[in-house]
Amino acid sequence: MEELIQSLKVNIIEQLNLVDMTPEQIADDEILFGGGLGLDSIDALEIIVMLERKYGVKINNQDEGKVALRSIRSIAEYIESKKA
């Protein structure tokens, strides 16, 4: 799972154009929205599109998204659960 977490960090930084941030600066369990990284709903949409394109995973509804997009680790766990 660590390889997936690192991949997610790199892809999120690229997708959201976080030019001043490195993967090492993002904690695996850091809250992504409403604190932590301070991402917003537009960022969430961009992450959802990236997950579909790069990982073949689709988030089907808002409740699922709230759980899946909580942190980098929760995204990785979501991807692994969908691939299983």
PDB file of N, CA and C in Angstrom:
ATOM      1  N   MET A   1       0.825  -1.198   0.000  1.00  0.00           N
ATOM      2  CA  MET A   1       0.000   0.000   0.000  1.00  0.00           C
ATOM      3  C   MET A   1       0.868   1.260   0.000  1.00  0.00           C
ATOM      4  N   GLU A   2       2.070   1.178   0.538  1.00  0.00           N
ATOM      5  CA  GLU A   2       2.933   2.373   0.601  1.00  0.00           C
ATOM      6  C   GLU A   2       3.250   2.908  -0.789  1.00  0.00           C
ATOM      7  N   GLU A   3       3.436   2.010  -1.742  1.00  0.00           N
ATOM      8  CA  GLU A   3       3.717   2.439  -3.117  1.00  0.00           C
ATOM      9  C   GLU A   3       2.505   3.188  -3.699  1.00  0.00           C
ATOM     10  N   LEU A   4       1.310   2.695  -3.433  1.00  0.00           N
ATOM     11  CA  LEU A   4       0.088   3.351  -3.885  1.00  0.00           C
ATOM     12  C   LEU A   4      -0.064   4.729  -3.236  1.00  0.00           C
ATOM     13  N   ILE A   5       0.228   4.824  -1.945  1.00  0.00           N
ATOM     14  CA  ILE A   5       0.138   6.106  -1.234  1.00  0.00           C
ATOM     15  C   ILE A   5       1.097   7.124  -1.847  1.00  0.00           C
ATOM     16  N   GLN A   6       2.326   6.711  -2.123  1.00  0.00           N
ATOM     17  CA  GLN A   6       3.296   7.630  -2.741  1.00  0.00           C
ATOM     18  C   GLN A   6       2.834   8.061  -4.131  1.00  0.00           C
ATOM     19  N   SER A   7       2.301   7.117  -4.894  1.00  0.00           N
ATOM     20  CA  SER A   7       1.790   7.416  -6.224  1.00  0.00           C
ATOM     21  C   SER A   7       0.642   8.426  -6.150  1.00  0.00           C
ATOM     22  N   LEU A   8      -0.251   8.229  -5.198  1.00  0.00           N
ATOM     23  CA  LEU A   8      -1.368   9.155  -5.015  1.00  0.00           C
ATOM     24  C   LEU A   8      -0.880  10.563  -4.686  1.00  0.00           C
ATOM     25  N   LYS A   9       0.086  10.659  -3.797  1.00  0.00           N
ATOM     26  CA  LYS A   9       0.620  11.974  -3.422  1.00  0.00           C
ATOM     27  C   LYS A   9       1.170  12.703  -4.644  1.00  0.00           C
ATOM     28  N   VAL A  10       1.973  11.995  -5.430  1.00  0.00           N
ATOM     29  CA  VAL A  10       2.564  12.600  -6.633  1.00  0.00           C
ATOM     30  C   VAL A  10       1.472  13.018  -7.612  1.00  0.00           C
ATOM     31  N   ASN A  11       0.505  12.132  -7.839  1.00  0.00           N
ATOM     32  CA  ASN A  11      -0.561  12.433  -8.798  1.00  0.00           C
ATOM     33  C   ASN A  11      -1.461  13.575  -8.334  1.00  0.00           C
ATOM     34  N   ILE A  12      -1.742  13.649  -7.046  1.00  0.00           N
ATOM     35  CA  ILE A  12      -2.574  14.743  -6.528  1.00  0.00           C
ATOM     36  C   ILE A  12      -1.836  16.074  -6.632  1.00  0.00           C
ATOM     37  N   ILE A  13      -0.561  16.078  -6.311  1.00  0.00           N
ATOM     38  CA  ILE A  13       0.236  17.302  -6.443  1.00  0.00           C
ATOM     39  C   ILE A  13       0.219  17.778  -7.895  1.00  0.00           C
ATOM     40  N   GLU A  14       0.393  16.856  -8.836  1.00  0.00           N
ATOM     41  CA  GLU A  14       0.375  17.221 -10.253  1.00  0.00           C
ATOM     42  C   GLU A  14      -1.015  17.678 -10.688  1.00  0.00           C
ATOM     43  N   GLN A  15      -2.042  16.914 -10.315  1.00  0.00           N
ATOM     44  CA  GLN A  15      -3.409  17.218 -10.744  1.00  0.00           C
ATOM     45  C   GLN A  15      -3.878  18.579 -10.232  1.00  0.00           C
ATOM     46  N   LEU A  16      -3.540  18.898  -8.984  1.00  0.00           N
ATOM     47  CA  LEU A  16      -4.007  20.143  -8.375  1.00  0.00           C
ATOM     48  C   LEU A  16      -3.013  21.290  -8.534  1.00  0.00           C
ATOM     49  N   ASN A  17      -1.904  21.009  -9.216  1.00  0.00           N
ATOM     50  CA  ASN A  17      -0.903  22.037  -9.478  1.00  0.00           C
ATOM     51  C   ASN A  17      -0.360  22.649  -8.188  1.00  0.00           C
ATOM     52  N   LEU A  18      -0.064  21.800  -7.227  1.00  0.00           N
ATOM     53  CA  LEU A  18       0.486  22.255  -5.940  1.00  0.00           C
ATOM     54  C   LEU A  18       2.000  22.351  -6.072  1.00  0.00           C
ATOM     55  N   VAL A  19       2.457  23.355  -6.792  1.00  0.00           N
ATOM     56  CA  VAL A  19       3.860  23.460  -7.199  1.00  0.00           C
ATOM     57  C   VAL A  19       4.843  23.600  -6.039  1.00  0.00           C
ATOM     58  N   ASP A  20       4.417  24.156  -4.935  1.00  0.00           N
ATOM     59  CA  ASP A  20       5.327  24.357  -3.809  1.00  0.00           C
ATOM     60  C   ASP A  20       5.305  23.197  -2.822  1.00  0.00           C
ATOM     61  N   MET A  21       4.655  22.096  -3.169  1.00  0.00           N
ATOM     62  CA  MET A  21       4.490  20.998  -2.236  1.00  0.00           C
ATOM     63  C   MET A  21       5.202  19.747  -2.759  1.00  0.00           C
ATOM     64  N   THR A  22       5.763  18.975  -1.830  1.00  0.00           N
ATOM     65  CA  THR A  22       6.382  17.702  -2.177  1.00  0.00           C
ATOM     66  C   THR A  22       5.578  16.577  -1.523  1.00  0.00           C
ATOM     67  N   PRO A  23       5.689  15.357  -2.034  1.00  0.00           N
ATOM     68  CA  PRO A  23       4.972  14.235  -1.427  1.00  0.00           C
ATOM     69  C   PRO A  23       5.303  14.050   0.057  1.00  0.00           C
ATOM     70  N   GLU A  24       6.529  14.355   0.430  1.00  0.00           N
ATOM     71  CA  GLU A  24       6.951  14.190   1.819  1.00  0.00           C
ATOM     72  C   GLU A  24       6.226  15.147   2.762  1.00  0.00           C
ATOM     73  N   GLN A  25       5.714  16.240   2.239  1.00  0.00           N
ATOM     74  CA  GLN A  25       5.018  17.231   3.066  1.00  0.00           C
ATOM     75  C   GLN A  25       3.568  16.844   3.370  1.00  0.00           C
ATOM     76  N   ILE A  26       3.069  15.816   2.707  1.00  0.00           N
ATOM     77  CA  ILE A  26       1.691  15.390   2.917  1.00  0.00           C
ATOM     78  C   ILE A  26       1.692  14.130   3.777  1.00  0.00           C
ATOM     79  N   ALA A  27       1.139  14.241   4.968  1.00  0.00           N
ATOM     80  CA  ALA A  27       1.034  13.070   5.845  1.00  0.00           C
ATOM     81  C   ALA A  27      -0.036  12.128   5.294  1.00  0.00           C
ATOM     82  N   ASP A  28       0.194  10.836   5.444  1.00  0.00           N
ATOM     83  CA  ASP A  28      -0.731   9.837   4.903  1.00  0.00           C
ATOM     84  C   ASP A  28      -2.149  10.001   5.444  1.00  0.00           C
ATOM     85  N   ASP A  29      -2.276  10.409   6.703  1.00  0.00           N
ATOM     86  CA  ASP A  29      -3.585  10.518   7.349  1.00  0.00           C
ATOM     87  C   ASP A  29      -4.062  11.965   7.518  1.00  0.00           C
ATOM     88  N   GLU A  30      -3.384  12.899   6.873  1.00  0.00           N
ATOM     89  CA  GLU A  30      -3.761  14.313   6.962  1.00  0.00           C
ATOM     90  C   GLU A  30      -5.126  14.537   6.305  1.00  0.00           C
ATOM     91  N   ILE A  31      -5.984  15.296   6.971  1.00  0.00           N
ATOM     92  CA  ILE A  31      -7.297  15.626   6.429  1.00  0.00           C
ATOM     93  C   ILE A  31      -7.102  16.499   5.191  1.00  0.00           C
ATOM     94  N   LEU A  32      -7.743  16.122   4.097  1.00  0.00           N
ATOM     95  CA  LEU A  32      -7.542  16.848   2.838  1.00  0.00           C
ATOM     96  C   LEU A  32      -8.435  18.075   2.695  1.00  0.00           C
ATOM     97  N   PHE A  33      -9.665  18.009   3.235  1.00  0.00           N
ATOM     98  CA  PHE A  33     -10.638  19.083   3.044  1.00  0.00           C
ATOM     99  C   PHE A  33     -11.021  19.702   4.384  1.00  0.00           C
ATOM    100  N   GLY A  34     -11.269  21.022   4.372  1.00  0.00           N
ATOM    101  CA  GLY A  34     -11.707  21.709   5.582  1.00  0.00           C
ATOM    102  C   GLY A  34     -10.663  21.726   6.681  1.00  0.00           C
ATOM    103  N   GLY A  35      -9.434  21.840   6.346  1.00  0.00           N
ATOM    104  CA  GLY A  35      -8.317  21.782   7.289  1.00  0.00           C
ATOM    105  C   GLY A  35      -7.202  21.056   6.580  1.00  0.00           C
ATOM    106  N   GLY A  36      -6.184  20.670   7.290  1.00  0.00           N
ATOM    107  CA  GLY A  36      -5.096  19.927   6.643  1.00  0.00           C
ATOM    108  C   GLY A  36      -4.592  20.662   5.419  1.00  0.00           C
ATOM    109  N   LEU A  37      -4.787  20.075   4.266  1.00  0.00           N
ATOM    110  CA  LEU A  37      -4.335  20.704   3.023  1.00  0.00           C
ATOM    111  C   LEU A  37      -5.239  21.846   2.583  1.00  0.00           C
ATOM    112  N   GLY A  38      -6.436  21.919   3.135  1.00  0.00           N
ATOM    113  CA  GLY A  38      -7.343  23.017   2.810  1.00  0.00           C
ATOM    114  C   GLY A  38      -7.897  22.963   1.401  1.00  0.00           C
ATOM    115  N   LEU A  39      -8.116  21.768   0.886  1.00  0.00           N
ATOM    116  CA  LEU A  39      -8.674  21.636  -0.451  1.00  0.00           C
ATOM    117  C   LEU A  39     -10.162  21.975  -0.441  1.00  0.00           C
ATOM    118  N   ASP A  40     -10.709  22.283  -1.623  1.00  0.00           N
ATOM    119  CA  ASP A  40     -12.126  22.636  -1.716  1.00  0.00           C
ATOM    120  C   ASP A  40     -12.866  21.697  -2.671  1.00  0.00           C
ATOM    121  N   SER A  41     -14.128  22.013  -2.949  1.00  0.00           N
ATOM    122  CA  SER A  41     -14.963  21.124  -3.760  1.00  0.00           C
ATOM    123  C   SER A  41     -14.460  21.000  -5.205  1.00  0.00           C
ATOM    124  N   ILE A  42     -13.867  22.039  -5.735  1.00  0.00           N
ATOM    125  CA  ILE A  42     -13.290  21.962  -7.085  1.00  0.00           C
ATOM    126  C   ILE A  42     -12.128  20.982  -7.087  1.00  0.00           C
ATOM    127  N   ASP A  43     -11.298  21.032  -6.034  1.00  0.00           N
ATOM    128  CA  ASP A  43     -10.189  20.083  -5.904  1.00  0.00           C
ATOM    129  C   ASP A  43     -10.721  18.656  -5.814  1.00  0.00           C
ATOM    130  N   ALA A  44     -11.823  18.471  -5.096  1.00  0.00           N
ATOM    131  CA  ALA A  44     -12.424  17.135  -4.962  1.00  0.00           C
ATOM    132  C   ALA A  44     -12.818  16.594  -6.333  1.00  0.00           C
ATOM    133  N   LEU A  45     -13.427  17.435  -7.151  1.00  0.00           N
ATOM    134  CA  LEU A  45     -13.807  17.002  -8.496  1.00  0.00           C
ATOM    135  C   LEU A  45     -12.592  16.608  -9.325  1.00  0.00           C
ATOM    136  N   GLU A  46     -11.532  17.382  -9.203  1.00  0.00           N
ATOM    137  CA  GLU A  46     -10.312  17.063  -9.940  1.00  0.00           C
ATOM    138  C   GLU A  46      -9.705  15.747  -9.466  1.00  0.00           C
ATOM    139  N   ILE A  47      -9.737  15.495  -8.165  1.00  0.00           N
ATOM    140  CA  ILE A  47      -9.217  14.232  -7.626  1.00  0.00           C
ATOM    141  C   ILE A  47     -10.074  13.067  -8.118  1.00  0.00           C
ATOM    142  N   ILE A  48     -11.394  13.235  -8.131  1.00  0.00           N
ATOM    143  CA  ILE A  48     -12.292  12.181  -8.594  1.00  0.00           C
ATOM    144  C   ILE A  48     -11.998  11.832 -10.058  1.00  0.00           C
ATOM    145  N   VAL A  49     -11.814  12.844 -10.889  1.00  0.00           N
ATOM    146  CA  VAL A  49     -11.487  12.610 -12.298  1.00  0.00           C
ATOM    147  C   VAL A  49     -10.146  11.888 -12.415  1.00  0.00           C
ATOM    148  N   MET A  50      -9.159  12.313 -11.627  1.00  0.00           N
ATOM    149  CA  MET A  50      -7.844  11.678 -11.649  1.00  0.00           C
ATOM    150  C   MET A  50      -7.932  10.207 -11.230  1.00  0.00           C
ATOM    151  N   LEU A  51      -8.750   9.912 -10.212  1.00  0.00           N
ATOM    152  CA  LEU A  51      -8.905   8.529  -9.758  1.00  0.00           C
ATOM    153  C   LEU A  51      -9.509   7.655 -10.854  1.00  0.00           C
ATOM    154  N   GLU A  52     -10.455   8.203 -11.585  1.00  0.00           N
ATOM    155  CA  GLU A  52     -11.072   7.450 -12.677  1.00  0.00           C
ATOM    156  C   GLU A  52     -10.066   7.189 -13.792  1.00  0.00           C
ATOM    157  N   ARG A  53      -9.309   8.208 -14.159  1.00  0.00           N
ATOM    158  CA  ARG A  53      -8.366   8.095 -15.282  1.00  0.00           C
ATOM    159  C   ARG A  53      -7.153   7.230 -14.949  1.00  0.00           C
ATOM    160  N   LYS A  54      -6.537   7.487 -13.807  1.00  0.00           N
ATOM    161  CA  LYS A  54      -5.271   6.827 -13.499  1.00  0.00           C
ATOM    162  C   LYS A  54      -5.421   5.495 -12.772  1.00  0.00           C
ATOM    163  N   TYR A  55      -6.508   5.332 -12.028  1.00  0.00           N
ATOM    164  CA  TYR A  55      -6.649   4.136 -11.203  1.00  0.00           C
ATOM    165  C   TYR A  55      -7.884   3.304 -11.561  1.00  0.00           C
ATOM    166  N   GLY A  56      -8.703   3.793 -12.492  1.00  0.00           N
ATOM    167  CA  GLY A  56      -9.880   3.055 -12.920  1.00  0.00           C
ATOM    168  C   GLY A  56     -10.928   2.877 -11.836  1.00  0.00           C
ATOM    169  N   VAL A  57     -10.978   3.827 -10.911  1.00  0.00           N
ATOM    170  CA  VAL A  57     -11.895   3.744  -9.773  1.00  0.00           C
ATOM    171  C   VAL A  57     -12.890   4.893  -9.854  1.00  0.00           C
ATOM    172  N   LYS A  58     -14.156   4.560  -9.688  1.00  0.00           N
ATOM    173  CA  LYS A  58     -15.205   5.578  -9.766  1.00  0.00           C
ATOM    174  C   LYS A  58     -15.890   5.719  -8.407  1.00  0.00           C
ATOM    175  N   ILE A  59     -16.047   6.955  -7.954  1.00  0.00           N
ATOM    176  CA  ILE A  59     -16.790   7.240  -6.726  1.00  0.00           C
ATOM    177  C   ILE A  59     -18.226   7.521  -7.152  1.00  0.00           C
ATOM    178  N   ASN A  60     -19.153   6.731  -6.620  1.00  0.00           N
ATOM    179  CA  ASN A  60     -20.525   6.738  -7.125  1.00  0.00           C
ATOM    180  C   ASN A  60     -21.463   7.759  -6.493  1.00  0.00           C
ATOM    181  N   ASN A  61     -21.175   8.192  -5.271  1.00  0.00           N
ATOM    182  CA  ASN A  61     -22.076   9.153  -4.639  1.00  0.00           C
ATOM    183  C   ASN A  61     -21.324   9.988  -3.609  1.00  0.00           C
ATOM    184  N   GLN A  62     -21.991  11.017  -3.119  1.00  0.00           N
ATOM    185  CA  GLN A  62     -21.365  11.974  -2.201  1.00  0.00           C
ATOM    186  C   GLN A  62     -20.944  11.320  -0.890  1.00  0.00           C
ATOM    187  N   ASP A  63     -21.769  10.431  -0.341  1.00  0.00           N
ATOM    188  CA  ASP A  63     -21.418   9.780   0.924  1.00  0.00           C
ATOM    189  C   ASP A  63     -20.172   8.919   0.781  1.00  0.00           C
ATOM    190  N   GLU A  64     -20.096   8.198  -0.325  1.00  0.00           N
ATOM    191  CA  GLU A  64     -18.922   7.386  -0.613  1.00  0.00           C
ATOM    192  C   GLU A  64     -17.695   8.279  -0.747  1.00  0.00           C
ATOM    193  N   GLY A  65     -17.863   9.411  -1.414  1.00  0.00           N
ATOM    194  CA  GLY A  65     -16.767  10.348  -1.616  1.00  0.00           C
ATOM    195  C   GLY A  65     -16.250  10.942  -0.323  1.00  0.00           C
ATOM    196  N   LYS A  66     -17.158  11.259   0.597  1.00  0.00           N
ATOM    197  CA  LYS A  66     -16.734  11.831   1.885  1.00  0.00           C
ATOM    198  C   LYS A  66     -15.823  10.882   2.641  1.00  0.00           C
ATOM    199  N   VAL A  67     -16.134   9.613   2.598  1.00  0.00           N
ATOM    200  CA  VAL A  67     -15.315   8.604   3.285  1.00  0.00           C
ATOM    201  C   VAL A  67     -14.007   8.384   2.529  1.00  0.00           C
ATOM    202  N   ALA A  68     -14.110   8.205   1.223  1.00  0.00           N
ATOM    203  CA  ALA A  68     -12.933   7.878   0.413  1.00  0.00           C
ATOM    204  C   ALA A  68     -11.920   9.023   0.358  1.00  0.00           C
ATOM    205  N   LEU A  69     -12.396  10.260   0.296  1.00  0.00           N
ATOM    206  CA  LEU A  69     -11.501  11.398   0.093  1.00  0.00           C
ATOM    207  C   LEU A  69     -11.077  12.088   1.392  1.00  0.00           C
ATOM    208  N   ARG A  70     -11.184  11.402   2.488  1.00  0.00           N
ATOM    209  CA  ARG A  70     -10.812  11.988   3.786  1.00  0.00           C
ATOM    210  C   ARG A  70      -9.311  12.280   3.869  1.00  0.00           C
ATOM    211  N   SER A  71      -8.499  11.328   3.430  1.00  0.00           N
ATOM    212  CA  SER A  71      -7.038  11.456   3.496  1.00  0.00           C
ATOM    213  C   SER A  71      -6.418  10.652   2.363  1.00  0.00           C
ATOM    214  N   ILE A  72      -5.120  10.769   2.203  1.00  0.00           N
ATOM    215  CA  ILE A  72      -4.414   9.974   1.193  1.00  0.00           C
ATOM    216  C   ILE A  72      -4.587   8.488   1.503  1.00  0.00           C
ATOM    217  N   ARG A  73      -4.441   8.112   2.766  1.00  0.00           N
ATOM    218  CA  ARG A  73      -4.579   6.708   3.148  1.00  0.00           C
ATOM    219  C   ARG A  73      -5.995   6.190   2.846  1.00  0.00           C
ATOM    220  N   SER A  74      -7.020   7.002   3.121  1.00  0.00           N
ATOM    221  CA  SER A  74      -8.388   6.546   2.859  1.00  0.00           C
ATOM    222  C   SER A  74      -8.626   6.385   1.357  1.00  0.00           C
ATOM    223  N   ILE A  75      -8.002   7.217   0.530  1.00  0.00           N
ATOM    224  CA  ILE A  75      -8.114   7.065  -0.924  1.00  0.00           C
ATOM    225  C   ILE A  75      -7.458   5.751  -1.347  1.00  0.00           C
ATOM    226  N   ALA A  76      -6.262   5.480  -0.805  1.00  0.00           N
ATOM    227  CA  ALA A  76      -5.559   4.241  -1.132  1.00  0.00           C
ATOM    228  C   ALA A  76      -6.377   3.018  -0.709  1.00  0.00           C
ATOM    229  N   GLU A  77      -6.965   3.077   0.474  1.00  0.00           N
ATOM    230  CA  GLU A  77      -7.796   1.966   0.945  1.00  0.00           C
ATOM    231  C   GLU A  77      -9.014   1.788   0.051  1.00  0.00           C
ATOM    232  N   TYR A  78      -9.592   2.881  -0.394  1.00  0.00           N
ATOM    233  CA  TYR A  78     -10.752   2.829  -1.281  1.00  0.00           C
ATOM    234  C   TYR A  78     -10.373   2.169  -2.611  1.00  0.00           C
ATOM    235  N   ILE A  79      -9.244   2.577  -3.182  1.00  0.00           N
ATOM    236  CA  ILE A  79      -8.787   1.995  -4.434  1.00  0.00           C
ATOM    237  C   ILE A  79      -8.582   0.496  -4.269  1.00  0.00           C
ATOM    238  N   GLU A  80      -7.911   0.107  -3.193  1.00  0.00           N
ATOM    239  CA  GLU A  80      -7.646  -1.315  -2.979  1.00  0.00           C
ATOM    240  C   GLU A  80      -8.936  -2.101  -2.775  1.00  0.00           C
ATOM    241  N   SER A  81      -9.916  -1.520  -2.106  1.00  0.00           N
ATOM    242  CA  SER A  81     -11.178  -2.227  -1.876  1.00  0.00           C
ATOM    243  C   SER A  81     -11.946  -2.423  -3.186  1.00  0.00           C
ATOM    244  N   LYS A  82     -11.827  -1.468  -4.105  1.00  0.00           N
ATOM    245  CA  LYS A  82     -12.517  -1.564  -5.397  1.00  0.00           C
ATOM    246  C   LYS A  82     -11.805  -2.530  -6.338  1.00  0.00           C
ATOM    247  N   LYS A  83     -10.504  -2.671  -6.170  1.00  0.00           N
ATOM    248  CA  LYS A  83      -9.723  -3.559  -7.037  1.00  0.00           C
ATOM    249  C   LYS A  83      -9.831  -5.013  -6.575  1.00  0.00           C
ATOM    250  N   ALA A  84     -10.209  -5.206  -5.308  1.00  0.00           N
ATOM    251  CA  ALA A  84     -10.260  -6.572  -4.755  1.00  0.00           C
ATOM    252  C   ALA A  84     -11.422  -7.378  -5.308  1.00  0.00           C
TER     253      ALA A  84
END
